């Protein structure tokens, strides 16, 4: 048995000795926390241009064994609508020439990014684990008429061999994107692999990085290796990016050309996705504060909700000062993975379960 495999086995057995997080069945409001029912694993979120609707990435599984898809949350009518992507015969206009067929029903989205291209068209970039490990391009049609919204597949780029992607941030001015690579794995995303790789990262065995797509190929952004990066966002002028480093529980600031960390914020916990506030002046960071053994058994569950203690914190991108906005454990939902600001509320998602929650902004 190799040293790495021995560590795999030992750490997994240690994790199994813990107790799983309590699971919540009822989907109902608790105080000022409003439960929004009827989704599947709403792992990542993006606000539509009308500022009234939220695009939801309905996570499947890292190994693609469970499919997912897109949904829209209508904040005015408090309603969830499923939006199936449209796959045309020859739709490819973006992406890599060697990735010219859609994932179809196997599509299993993870991190997403909605952005406006220089020509005014709206694109959705989605990390995909179904059928292949890839980034998929979609076009959002009728973005200011969500009742008539269509999502059409427009191309893809295959991930480097053994890479397991997570979150994504577009670079519309330069035509590319940044994507976080959690780790490398032969069996890229089984629950066992995800658990073991996460544990190994905590003990310094990480092989993650931030990857950059330049329109032709992927390359690692210098300085981001071995850090198990998760959520990522880019500044409006594309000079900087901010990435959640799960290994160190820090939000780190880099130049988009790479290099040393320019600044960082100590947040604590298992950092997941980051989104910009509505005025794009602050970062909204989701962090799970419960120990891993409390929430890893929530993976793959689609009914109910995980109760793991979590928080949404605000980080100032200039000073890197941290302010807690909302902390919670238990009903109606824990295990936060993303938050967006809508009107005077936070809409919060999770990697497991059948609901979002909406809480007042403080």
Protein backbone atom coordinates (compact mmCIF):
# COMPACT_ATOMS: atom_id res chain seq x y z
CA UNK A 1 0.00 0.00 0.00
CA UNK A 2 1.42 3.39 -0.97
CA UNK A 3 1.82 6.17 1.59
CA UNK A 4 -0.98 8.12 -0.11
CA UNK A 5 -3.37 5.15 -0.11
CA UNK A 6 -2.55 4.45 3.53
CA UNK A 7 -3.43 8.05 4.35
CA UNK A 8 -6.63 7.69 2.31
CA UNK A 9 -7.74 4.70 4.35
CA UNK A 10 -6.69 6.04 7.75
CA UNK A 11 -8.32 9.45 7.30
CA UNK A 12 -11.53 7.97 5.93
CA UNK A 13 -11.83 5.65 8.91
CA UNK A 14 -11.29 8.61 11.23
CA UNK A 15 -14.07 10.48 9.44
CA UNK A 16 -16.42 7.53 9.72
CA UNK A 17 -15.98 7.54 13.49
CA UNK A 18 -17.86 10.86 13.70
CA UNK A 19 -21.58 11.45 13.74
CA UNK A 20 -23.39 12.82 10.71
CA UNK A 21 -25.23 16.10 10.77
CA UNK A 22 -28.90 15.89 11.63
CA UNK A 23 -31.18 15.82 8.61
CA UNK A 24 -34.25 18.07 8.31
CA UNK A 25 -37.37 16.69 6.64
CA UNK A 26 -40.03 19.41 6.94
CA UNK A 27 -39.75 22.35 4.54
CA UNK A 28 -41.27 25.18 6.53
CA UNK A 29 -40.40 28.72 7.65
CA UNK A 30 -38.61 29.24 10.96
CA UNK A 31 -39.05 32.75 12.33
CA UNK A 32 -37.81 35.23 9.73
CA UNK A 33 -36.12 32.47 7.72
CA UNK A 34 -38.30 31.67 4.70
CA UNK A 35 -37.96 28.21 3.15
CA UNK A 36 -38.29 28.06 -0.65
CA UNK A 37 -39.14 24.48 -1.54
CA UNK A 38 -39.01 22.51 -4.79
CA UNK A 39 -35.38 22.47 -5.97
CA UNK A 40 -32.60 19.88 -6.11
CA UNK A 41 -29.33 20.65 -4.35
CA UNK A 42 -29.20 24.41 -5.15
CA UNK A 43 -25.40 24.59 -4.94
CA UNK A 44 -24.76 27.86 -6.80
CA UNK A 45 -26.80 30.97 -7.61
CA UNK A 46 -26.73 33.92 -10.01
CA UNK A 47 -29.05 36.95 -10.14
CA UNK A 48 -30.64 37.68 -13.52
CA UNK A 49 -30.36 41.16 -15.07
CA UNK A 50 -33.93 42.06 -14.01
CA UNK A 51 -32.84 41.74 -10.32
CA UNK A 52 -36.05 39.82 -9.59
CA UNK A 53 -35.05 36.29 -10.57
CA UNK A 54 -32.26 33.94 -9.48
CA UNK A 55 -30.71 31.27 -11.68
CA UNK A 56 -30.09 28.08 -9.71
CA UNK A 57 -27.52 25.40 -10.42
CA UNK A 58 -29.14 22.15 -9.27
CA UNK A 59 -26.16 20.03 -8.31
CA UNK A 60 -26.07 16.29 -8.98
CA UNK A 61 -22.94 14.42 -7.90
CA UNK A 62 -19.23 14.99 -8.55
CA UNK A 63 -18.99 11.64 -10.33
CA UNK A 64 -21.95 12.43 -12.59
CA UNK A 65 -24.03 9.57 -11.15
CA UNK A 66 -26.87 11.99 -10.38
CA UNK A 67 -28.01 14.47 -13.02
CA UNK A 68 -29.02 18.03 -12.34
CA UNK A 69 -30.14 21.09 -14.24
CA UNK A 70 -31.21 24.73 -14.07
CA UNK A 71 -34.11 26.36 -12.28
CA UNK A 72 -35.32 29.93 -11.79
CA UNK A 73 -36.56 31.48 -8.57
CA UNK A 74 -39.14 34.24 -9.06
CA UNK A 75 -38.80 36.49 -5.99
CA UNK A 76 -42.01 38.42 -6.70
CA UNK A 77 -44.21 35.33 -6.88
CA UNK A 78 -42.04 33.16 -4.61
CA UNK A 79 -42.03 30.40 -7.20
CA UNK A 80 -39.53 27.89 -8.59
CA UNK A 81 -39.58 27.02 -12.30
CA UNK A 82 -37.49 24.30 -13.92
CA UNK A 83 -35.71 25.45 -17.09
CA UNK A 84 -34.45 22.64 -19.32
CA UNK A 85 -31.54 23.55 -21.62
CA UNK A 86 -32.26 23.47 -25.34
CA UNK A 87 -29.84 21.31 -27.32
CA UNK A 88 -29.88 22.09 -31.03
CA UNK A 89 -28.40 20.02 -33.87
CA UNK A 90 -25.41 22.31 -34.59
CA UNK A 91 -25.44 25.06 -31.99
CA UNK A 92 -21.76 25.48 -31.19
CA UNK A 93 -20.58 29.08 -31.31
CA UNK A 94 -18.46 29.30 -28.15
CA UNK A 95 -16.02 26.95 -26.49
CA UNK A 96 -13.42 24.56 -27.87
CA UNK A 97 -13.63 23.08 -31.39
CA UNK A 98 -12.78 19.62 -30.02
CA UNK A 99 -15.81 19.67 -27.68
CA UNK A 100 -18.69 19.85 -30.10
CA UNK A 101 -21.52 17.77 -28.61
CA UNK A 102 -23.80 18.59 -25.67
CA UNK A 103 -23.97 16.58 -22.44
CA UNK A 104 -27.71 16.00 -22.84
CA UNK A 105 -29.62 14.43 -19.96
CA UNK A 106 -26.34 13.55 -18.21
CA UNK A 107 -25.74 17.26 -17.52
CA UNK A 108 -24.83 17.70 -13.85
CA UNK A 109 -23.96 21.35 -13.07
CA UNK A 110 -21.86 22.60 -10.19
CA UNK A 111 -20.51 26.18 -10.17
CA UNK A 112 -22.13 28.68 -12.56
CA UNK A 113 -21.45 32.20 -13.77
CA UNK A 114 -23.85 34.51 -15.62
CA UNK A 115 -22.19 37.37 -17.50
CA UNK A 116 -22.72 39.74 -20.41
CA UNK A 117 -20.45 39.27 -23.41
CA UNK A 118 -18.97 42.26 -25.28
CA UNK A 119 -21.66 41.87 -27.99
CA UNK A 120 -24.45 42.19 -25.40
CA UNK A 121 -25.41 38.51 -25.33
CA UNK A 122 -25.68 36.78 -21.97
CA UNK A 123 -23.74 33.61 -21.36
CA UNK A 124 -23.92 31.03 -18.61
CA UNK A 125 -20.75 29.13 -17.84
CA UNK A 126 -21.38 25.91 -15.93
CA UNK A 127 -18.98 23.38 -14.46
CA UNK A 128 -20.33 19.98 -15.48
CA UNK A 129 -19.67 16.49 -14.08
CA UNK A 130 -22.21 14.53 -16.16
CA UNK A 131 -20.96 12.47 -19.15
CA UNK A 132 -17.62 14.31 -18.90
CA UNK A 133 -15.69 16.74 -16.71
CA UNK A 134 -16.10 20.01 -18.55
CA UNK A 135 -17.16 23.62 -18.68
CA UNK A 136 -20.36 24.12 -20.68
CA UNK A 137 -21.41 27.34 -22.41
CA UNK A 138 -25.10 28.30 -22.56
CA UNK A 139 -26.78 31.41 -23.89
CA UNK A 140 -29.53 32.99 -21.81
CA UNK A 141 -32.16 34.33 -24.19
CA UNK A 142 -34.79 36.89 -23.15
CA UNK A 143 -32.83 37.75 -19.97
CA UNK A 144 -35.20 40.61 -19.09
CA UNK A 145 -38.28 38.44 -19.66
CA UNK A 146 -37.71 35.49 -17.33
CA UNK A 147 -41.16 34.10 -18.12
CA UNK A 148 -39.87 33.57 -21.64
CA UNK A 149 -36.32 32.67 -20.68
CA UNK A 150 -34.54 30.07 -22.76
CA UNK A 151 -31.18 28.49 -22.06
CA UNK A 152 -29.46 27.16 -25.18
CA UNK A 153 -26.27 25.11 -25.25
CA UNK A 154 -23.46 26.89 -27.13
CA UNK A 155 -20.31 24.82 -26.62
CA UNK A 156 -17.91 23.29 -24.10
CA UNK A 157 -14.29 22.76 -23.07
CA UNK A 158 -13.03 19.45 -21.69
CA UNK A 159 -11.19 19.61 -18.37
CA UNK A 160 -7.54 18.52 -18.23
CA UNK A 161 -7.09 14.84 -17.49
CA UNK A 162 -7.91 13.89 -13.87
CA UNK A 163 -8.96 17.46 -12.96
CA UNK A 164 -12.09 17.91 -10.83
CA UNK A 165 -13.58 21.40 -11.25
CA UNK A 166 -15.81 23.33 -8.87
CA UNK A 167 -16.49 27.08 -9.30
CA UNK A 168 -16.06 29.42 -12.26
CA UNK A 169 -15.64 33.13 -13.00
CA UNK A 170 -15.83 34.64 -16.47
CA UNK A 171 -13.32 37.01 -18.06
CA UNK A 172 -15.61 38.55 -20.69
CA UNK A 173 -13.16 41.24 -21.78
CA UNK A 174 -10.41 38.76 -22.56
CA UNK A 175 -12.79 36.02 -23.70
CA UNK A 176 -11.81 33.37 -21.20
CA UNK A 177 -12.56 32.30 -17.63
CA UNK A 178 -11.03 31.10 -14.39
CA UNK A 179 -12.13 27.82 -12.84
CA UNK A 180 -11.14 26.21 -9.56
CA UNK A 181 -9.75 22.70 -9.57
CA UNK A 182 -10.45 21.00 -6.25
CA UNK A 183 -8.10 18.10 -6.82
CA UNK A 184 -7.01 15.45 -9.30
CA UNK A 185 -8.52 11.97 -9.21
CA UNK A 186 -8.91 8.84 -11.34
CA UNK A 187 -12.43 8.38 -10.00
CA UNK A 188 -13.16 12.09 -10.05
CA UNK A 189 -16.12 12.51 -7.82
CA UNK A 190 -17.48 9.60 -5.84
CA UNK A 191 -18.55 10.35 -2.28
CA UNK A 192 -15.60 8.29 -1.05
CA UNK A 193 -13.13 10.19 -3.25
CA UNK A 194 -14.59 13.56 -2.28
CA UNK A 195 -14.33 12.72 1.39
CA UNK A 196 -10.81 11.35 1.19
CA UNK A 197 -9.47 14.18 -0.98
CA UNK A 198 -11.01 16.80 1.30
CA UNK A 199 -9.47 15.17 4.34
CA UNK A 200 -6.08 14.84 2.66
CA UNK A 201 -6.15 18.51 1.73
CA UNK A 202 -6.56 19.39 5.39
CA UNK A 203 -3.35 17.48 6.07
CA UNK A 204 -1.36 19.09 3.25
CA UNK A 205 -1.86 16.53 0.47
CA UNK A 206 -3.79 18.88 -1.81
CA UNK A 207 -3.30 18.97 -5.59
CA UNK A 208 -5.77 21.69 -6.52
CA UNK A 209 -5.20 24.93 -8.41
CA UNK A 210 -6.93 27.74 -10.28
CA UNK A 211 -7.03 26.99 -14.01
CA UNK A 212 -7.35 29.63 -16.71
CA UNK A 213 -9.02 29.07 -20.09
CA UNK A 214 -7.62 31.51 -22.65
CA UNK A 215 -9.90 30.53 -25.52
CA UNK A 216 -7.60 27.73 -26.65
CA UNK A 217 -6.46 25.68 -23.67
CA UNK A 218 -6.22 25.43 -19.88
CA UNK A 219 -3.20 26.45 -17.83
CA UNK A 220 -2.61 26.71 -14.07
CA UNK A 221 -2.50 30.25 -12.68
CA UNK A 222 0.93 30.53 -11.00
CA UNK A 223 0.84 30.68 -7.21
CA UNK A 224 -2.51 28.91 -6.74
CA UNK A 225 -1.27 25.30 -6.63
CA UNK A 226 -1.92 22.89 -3.75
CA UNK A 227 -4.55 25.02 -2.07
CA UNK A 228 -7.89 23.25 -2.67
CA UNK A 229 -9.60 26.36 -4.10
CA UNK A 230 -13.38 26.57 -4.15
CA UNK A 231 -15.43 29.74 -4.88
CA UNK A 232 -14.00 32.42 -7.17
CA UNK A 233 -14.95 35.88 -8.48
CA UNK A 234 -13.18 38.43 -10.69
CA UNK A 235 -13.04 42.22 -10.30
CA UNK A 236 -14.92 44.30 -12.88
CA UNK A 237 -11.72 45.44 -14.59
CA UNK A 238 -10.42 41.81 -14.56
CA UNK A 239 -7.22 42.88 -12.80
CA UNK A 240 -7.79 40.72 -9.71
CA UNK A 241 -9.56 37.58 -8.63
CA UNK A 242 -10.64 36.46 -5.18
CA UNK A 243 -10.64 32.75 -4.40
CA UNK A 244 -11.82 30.78 -1.39
CA UNK A 245 -9.04 28.50 -0.19
CA UNK A 246 -10.65 25.65 1.70
CA UNK A 247 -7.27 24.41 2.91
CA UNK A 248 -6.51 27.60 4.83
CA UNK A 249 -10.08 28.91 5.39
CA UNK A 250 -9.03 32.17 3.74
CA UNK A 251 -10.30 34.37 0.92
CA UNK A 252 -7.17 35.23 -1.07
CA UNK A 253 -6.63 38.03 -3.58
CA UNK A 254 -4.45 37.50 -6.65
CA UNK A 255 -3.56 39.33 -9.82
CA UNK A 256 -5.20 37.59 -12.78
CA UNK A 257 -1.69 37.02 -14.13
CA UNK A 258 -0.88 35.01 -10.99
CA UNK A 259 1.94 35.26 -8.51
CA UNK A 260 2.00 35.73 -4.75
CA UNK A 261 -1.09 36.35 -2.64
CA UNK A 262 -1.71 40.11 -2.60
CA UNK A 263 -4.02 40.09 0.42
CA UNK A 264 -6.24 37.71 2.34
CA UNK A 265 -9.13 37.54 4.78
CA UNK A 266 -9.33 34.97 7.57
CA UNK A 267 -12.89 33.64 7.44
CA UNK A 268 -12.77 30.20 9.05
CA UNK A 269 -14.71 27.06 8.28
CA UNK A 270 -15.06 25.25 4.98
CA UNK A 271 -15.32 28.03 2.41
CA UNK A 272 -17.60 27.45 -0.56
CA UNK A 273 -18.88 29.95 -3.14
CA UNK A 274 -18.41 33.72 -3.27
CA UNK A 275 -20.77 36.17 -5.01
CA UNK A 276 -20.63 39.95 -5.40
CA UNK A 277 -23.10 42.07 -3.45
CA UNK A 278 -25.76 43.82 -5.54
CA UNK A 279 -23.67 47.02 -5.77
CA UNK A 280 -20.51 44.95 -6.41
CA UNK A 281 -18.70 46.57 -3.51
CA UNK A 282 -18.46 43.53 -1.22
CA UNK A 283 -17.92 39.79 -1.43
CA UNK A 284 -20.58 37.45 -0.03
CA UNK A 285 -18.85 34.28 1.15
CA UNK A 286 -20.59 31.06 2.19
CA UNK A 287 -18.80 28.99 4.81
CA UNK A 288 -19.76 25.74 6.53
CA UNK A 289 -18.56 25.88 10.12
CA UNK A 290 -19.44 22.35 11.17
CA UNK A 291 -16.68 19.70 11.13
CA UNK A 292 -16.56 17.70 7.92
CA UNK A 293 -17.78 14.50 9.55
CA UNK A 294 -21.00 16.29 10.45
CA UNK A 295 -22.02 17.09 6.89
CA UNK A 296 -20.27 14.70 4.50
CA UNK A 297 -23.11 12.18 4.84
CA UNK A 298 -25.48 14.79 3.40
CA UNK A 299 -23.85 14.32 -0.03
CA UNK A 300 -26.24 12.90 -2.59
CA UNK A 301 -29.41 13.49 -0.58
CA UNK A 302 -32.05 15.46 -2.47
CA UNK A 303 -35.06 15.42 -0.12
CA UNK A 304 -35.00 17.45 3.07
CA UNK A 305 -32.03 19.59 4.12
CA UNK A 306 -28.68 19.33 5.87
CA UNK A 307 -28.55 20.98 9.29
CA UNK A 308 -24.80 21.72 9.44
CA UNK A 309 -23.83 25.04 11.05
CA UNK A 310 -23.00 27.65 8.40
CA UNK A 311 -22.63 31.37 7.86
CA UNK A 312 -22.66 34.06 5.20
CA UNK A 313 -19.91 36.61 5.73
CA UNK A 314 -19.13 39.85 3.94
CA UNK A 315 -15.57 40.63 2.86
CA UNK A 316 -14.40 44.06 1.76
CA UNK A 317 -12.26 43.47 -1.38
CA UNK A 318 -10.15 46.56 -0.65
CA UNK A 319 -9.42 46.14 3.05
CA UNK A 320 -10.23 42.39 3.32
CA UNK A 321 -12.12 43.11 6.54
CA UNK A 322 -14.75 40.51 7.46
CA UNK A 323 -18.28 41.06 8.78
CA UNK A 324 -20.72 38.28 9.60
CA UNK A 325 -24.14 38.75 7.99
CA UNK A 326 -25.99 35.58 8.95
CA UNK A 327 -25.16 32.45 10.94
CA UNK A 328 -27.43 29.44 11.41
CA UNK A 329 -27.69 25.76 12.25
CA UNK A 330 -30.72 23.52 11.97
CA UNK A 331 -34.19 24.04 10.43
CA UNK A 332 -35.09 25.01 7.87
CA UNK A 333 -31.60 24.59 6.33
CA UNK A 334 -27.88 24.63 7.03
CA UNK A 335 -24.83 23.65 4.94
CA UNK A 336 -24.70 26.95 3.01
CA UNK A 337 -22.82 26.98 -0.29
CA UNK A 338 -23.83 30.28 -1.95
CA UNK A 339 -25.66 33.53 -1.25
CA UNK A 340 -26.88 36.37 -3.46
CA UNK A 341 -28.38 39.70 -2.50
CA UNK A 342 -31.88 40.41 -3.81
CA UNK A 343 -33.74 43.54 -2.72
CA UNK A 344 -33.28 43.55 1.07
CA UNK A 345 -32.75 39.81 1.41
CA UNK A 346 -30.16 37.10 1.10
CA UNK A 347 -31.08 34.07 -1.00
CA UNK A 348 -28.99 31.12 0.22
CA UNK A 349 -28.38 27.71 -1.36
CA UNK A 350 -26.92 24.38 -0.27
CA UNK A 351 -25.17 21.38 -1.83
CA UNK A 352 -27.83 18.99 -0.55
CA UNK A 353 -31.59 18.98 -0.20
CA UNK A 354 -34.75 20.38 -1.75
CA UNK A 355 -34.78 24.03 -0.71
CA UNK A 356 -33.32 27.51 -0.65
CA UNK A 357 -33.81 29.94 2.19
CA UNK A 358 -34.45 33.70 2.17
CA UNK A 359 -33.44 35.87 5.12
CA UNK A 360 -33.62 39.64 5.72
CA UNK A 361 -30.42 41.63 5.21
CA UNK A 362 -29.20 43.19 8.45
